[in-house]
Protein backbone atom coordinates (compact mmCIF):
# COMPACT_ATOMS: atom_id res chain seq x y z
CA MET A 1 -0.02 -0.17 0.15
CA LYS A 2 1.37 3.36 -1.03
CA PRO A 3 2.56 5.36 2.00
CA ILE A 4 0.95 8.90 2.57
CA ALA A 5 3.27 11.16 1.42
CA ARG A 6 3.49 15.21 2.39
CA GLU A 7 2.09 16.09 -1.00
CA ASP A 8 -0.96 13.96 -0.17
CA LEU A 9 -2.11 16.26 2.88
CA LEU A 10 -4.31 19.26 2.82
CA ASN A 11 -3.35 22.52 4.90
CA LEU A 12 -5.55 23.02 7.68
CA TYR A 13 -7.68 25.79 5.58
CA GLU A 14 -8.14 23.49 2.76
CA TYR A 15 -9.02 20.74 4.77
CA GLU A 16 -11.80 22.38 6.59
CA LYS A 17 -13.35 22.81 3.33
CA VAL A 18 -13.61 19.12 2.68
CA ARG A 19 -13.64 17.68 6.15
CA ASP A 20 -17.40 17.00 6.45
CA ALA A 21 -17.40 15.19 3.34
CA ARG A 22 -14.20 13.24 4.06
CA ARG A 23 -15.30 12.24 7.56
CA ARG A 24 -18.87 10.87 6.25
CA ASP A 25 -16.70 8.80 3.75
CA VAL A 26 -14.37 7.51 6.37
CA ILE A 27 -17.16 6.76 8.75
CA ALA A 28 -19.03 4.82 6.18
CA ALA A 29 -15.85 2.79 5.16
CA LYS A 30 -14.83 1.96 8.71
CA THR A 31 -18.35 0.61 9.20
CA THR A 32 -17.59 -1.77 6.59
CA ARG A 33 -14.19 -2.43 7.97
CA ARG A 34 -15.03 -2.83 11.62
CA VAL A 35 -15.62 -6.45 13.23
CA GLN A 36 -17.09 -6.83 16.68
CA VAL A 37 -15.41 -10.02 18.19
CA GLY A 38 -17.11 -10.94 21.65
CA ARG A 39 -18.23 -8.51 24.11
CA TYR A 40 -15.10 -6.18 24.30
CA LEU A 41 -13.23 -6.43 21.18
CA SER A 42 -13.63 -4.59 17.71
CA PHE A 43 -11.47 -4.60 15.00
CA VAL A 44 -10.98 -1.72 12.54
CA PHE A 45 -8.88 -2.47 9.62
CA GLU A 46 -6.87 0.41 8.51
CA ASN A 47 -6.05 1.44 4.82
CA ARG A 48 -4.67 4.45 3.07
CA ALA A 49 -8.06 6.43 3.38
CA THR A 50 -8.28 5.78 7.14
CA ILE A 51 -4.80 6.58 8.06
CA TRP A 52 -4.58 9.91 5.62
CA PHE A 53 -7.92 10.92 7.63
CA GLN A 54 -6.20 10.34 10.94
CA ILE A 55 -3.20 12.23 9.95
CA GLN A 56 -5.43 15.05 8.78
CA GLU A 57 -7.22 15.06 11.85
CA MET A 58 -4.11 14.96 14.20
CA LEU A 59 -2.99 17.94 12.18
CA ARG A 60 -6.34 19.75 12.53
CA THR A 61 -6.70 18.92 16.38
CA GLU A 62 -3.25 19.68 17.34
CA ARG A 63 -2.93 22.87 15.00
CA ILE A 64 0.21 21.31 13.56
CA VAL A 65 1.79 23.48 10.72
CA ASP A 66 5.41 23.03 11.40
CA GLU A 67 6.98 20.77 8.58
CA GLY A 68 8.92 18.72 10.73
CA LYS A 69 6.06 17.99 13.08
CA ILE A 70 4.08 17.15 10.11
CA ALA A 71 6.58 14.79 8.68
CA ASP A 72 6.88 13.13 12.30
CA GLU A 73 3.01 12.61 12.03
CA ILE A 74 3.29 11.20 8.65
CA THR A 75 6.11 8.50 9.82
CA VAL A 76 3.90 7.28 12.92
CA TYR A 77 0.72 6.90 10.99
CA ASN A 78 2.58 5.34 7.90
CA ASP A 79 3.74 2.65 10.10
CA LEU A 80 -0.09 1.39 10.71
CA LEU A 81 -0.69 0.79 6.84
CA PRO A 82 -0.50 -2.82 5.88
CA GLY A 83 2.70 -4.03 4.21
CA PRO A 84 2.45 -6.24 1.20
CA GLY A 85 0.35 -9.37 1.64
CA GLU A 86 -0.83 -8.21 4.88
CA LEU A 87 -4.16 -6.83 6.69
CA ALA A 88 -3.58 -4.36 9.49
CA ALA A 89 -6.18 -3.52 12.47
CA THR A 90 -6.54 -1.33 15.41
CA MET A 91 -7.93 -3.63 17.98
CA PHE A 92 -9.96 -1.47 20.53
CA ILE A 93 -11.08 -3.18 23.98
CA GLU A 94 -14.37 -1.34 24.34
CA ILE A 95 -15.78 -1.32 28.17
CA ALA A 96 -19.12 0.85 28.46
CA ASP A 97 -19.34 0.36 32.24
CA THR A 98 -16.61 2.34 33.90
CA ALA A 99 -16.59 0.18 36.76
CA THR A 100 -15.57 -2.56 34.96
CA ILE A 101 -12.91 -1.10 32.94
CA LYS A 102 -10.09 -2.41 35.20
CA PRO A 103 -11.36 -5.90 36.01
CA VAL A 104 -12.02 -6.41 32.15
CA LEU A 105 -8.36 -5.16 31.15
CA ASP A 106 -6.91 -7.36 33.97
CA ALA A 107 -8.83 -10.25 32.70
CA LEU A 108 -7.59 -10.01 28.95
CA LEU A 109 -3.81 -9.26 29.89
CA GLY A 110 -1.52 -11.25 27.53
CA ILE A 111 -4.23 -11.14 24.69
CA ASP A 112 -1.59 -9.43 22.58
CA THR A 113 1.34 -11.58 23.56
CA ARG A 114 0.49 -15.09 22.36
CA ASP A 115 -1.57 -16.54 19.70
CA TYR A 116 -4.98 -15.92 21.10
CA VAL A 117 -6.06 -13.50 18.19
CA ARG A 118 -6.43 -15.26 14.62
CA MET A 119 -7.89 -14.88 11.20
CA GLN A 120 -9.25 -18.06 9.77
CA ILE A 121 -9.39 -18.14 6.09
CA GLY A 122 -11.22 -21.45 5.20
CA SER A 123 -9.53 -24.25 7.14
CA ASP A 124 -6.41 -22.20 7.37
CA VAL A 125 -5.62 -20.05 10.27
CA VAL A 126 -3.23 -16.99 10.64
CA VAL A 127 -1.94 -15.61 13.89
CA GLY A 128 -2.18 -11.90 14.38
CA ARG A 129 1.06 -10.21 15.24
CA PHE A 130 0.89 -7.31 17.59
CA GLU A 131 2.87 -4.13 17.92
CA THR A 132 4.83 -4.41 21.31
CA GLY A 133 4.71 -1.69 23.94
CA HIS A 134 0.87 -1.79 24.79
CA SER A 135 0.99 -4.17 27.70
CA ASP A 136 3.27 -5.48 30.58
CA GLU A 137 2.40 -8.72 32.03
CA GLU A 138 4.69 -8.35 34.94
CA LEU A 139 3.09 -4.88 35.97
CA GLY A 140 -0.65 -5.84 35.17
CA LYS A 141 -1.25 -3.53 32.63
CA LEU A 142 -3.02 -3.42 29.44
CA SER A 143 -3.89 -0.81 26.82
CA ALA A 144 -7.50 -0.38 25.47
CA VAL A 145 -6.09 0.13 22.01
CA HIS A 146 -3.50 -2.17 19.93
CA PHE A 147 -2.44 -2.76 16.56
CA VAL A 148 -2.31 -6.11 15.04
CA ARG A 149 -1.27 -7.35 11.76
CA PHE A 150 -2.24 -10.51 9.76
CA THR A 151 0.23 -11.76 7.11
CA ILE A 152 -2.00 -13.47 4.28
CA PRO A 153 -0.26 -15.97 2.25
CA GLU A 154 -0.59 -15.53 -1.59
CA ALA A 155 -2.99 -18.81 -1.91
CA LEU A 156 -5.36 -17.47 0.88
CA ARG A 157 -5.32 -13.86 -0.57
CA ARG A 158 -6.44 -15.57 -3.65
CA SER A 159 -9.53 -17.36 -2.06
CA PHE A 160 -10.23 -14.67 0.47
CA ARG A 161 -13.47 -13.22 -1.22
CA THR A 162 -14.81 -16.76 -1.82
CA SER A 163 -13.85 -18.50 1.44
CA GLU A 164 -15.40 -17.97 4.89
CA VAL A 165 -13.21 -15.61 7.00
CA ALA A 166 -13.36 -15.15 10.73
CA LEU A 167 -11.78 -13.34 13.30
CA VAL A 168 -11.22 -15.64 16.17
CA VAL A 169 -10.25 -14.58 19.92
CA ASP A 170 -9.29 -17.70 21.89
CA HIS A 171 -8.21 -16.02 25.20
CA PRO A 172 -8.80 -17.93 28.57
CA ASN A 173 -11.12 -15.08 29.74
CA GLU A 174 -12.64 -14.23 26.20
CA ARG A 175 -13.58 -16.82 23.45
CA ALA A 176 -15.53 -15.45 20.36
CA ARG A 177 -15.54 -15.89 16.63
CA ALA A 178 -16.96 -13.21 14.00
CA VAL A 179 -17.66 -14.12 10.40
CA LEU A 180 -16.89 -11.38 8.15
CA SER A 181 -19.54 -10.21 5.93
CA ASP A 182 -19.15 -10.32 2.03
CA ASP A 183 -18.83 -6.42 2.08
CA THR A 184 -16.13 -6.59 4.70
CA LYS A 185 -14.28 -9.17 2.79
CA ALA A 186 -14.63 -7.28 -0.32
CA SER A 187 -13.22 -4.33 1.21
CA LEU A 188 -10.32 -5.86 2.93
CA ALA A 189 -9.23 -7.67 -0.18
CA GLU A 190 -8.80 -4.29 -2.09
CA ASP A 191 -5.71 -4.19 0.53
CA PHE A 192 -3.86 -6.66 -1.05
CA ALA A 193 -3.75 -4.83 -4.55
């Protein structure tokens, strides 16, 4: 997937003119690219459009106009783009009841450190690889936001649209499976191009 370049971004003034329309488009795309798995986990699969929007929103929110800081944001967010043959997702641990935040996070500790999160394509399984630094089992700390990649072999990329594809969580304290819709599979398959 082609990284976001400086020339792809709009200045703050120009972005304000198109923000509402772009925001609607990204929300619609993320609706298709969001998969809820079990009680607490949702995965939003990132692509060039979602990352572009995140950069633009960060520049807008922080009022960043310094070219060096813009370059830093581009670098950080480009790291979230899927590489060749990959799908990349932000995994959110979503807990509505504030009284249960700590107990749920404690129960899910280690979810990002083993093979608990997988993608099943037909009968084949691809284990998710998490970005490090979002948890510390020794200290009992777990972030509510994680980044995970699934490297999909070529044969499975070819059969992705026609196979049953599911996200599977098999953690001792959270077991769930969600089958991806045809619309979601079609959207994610575009990431392989």
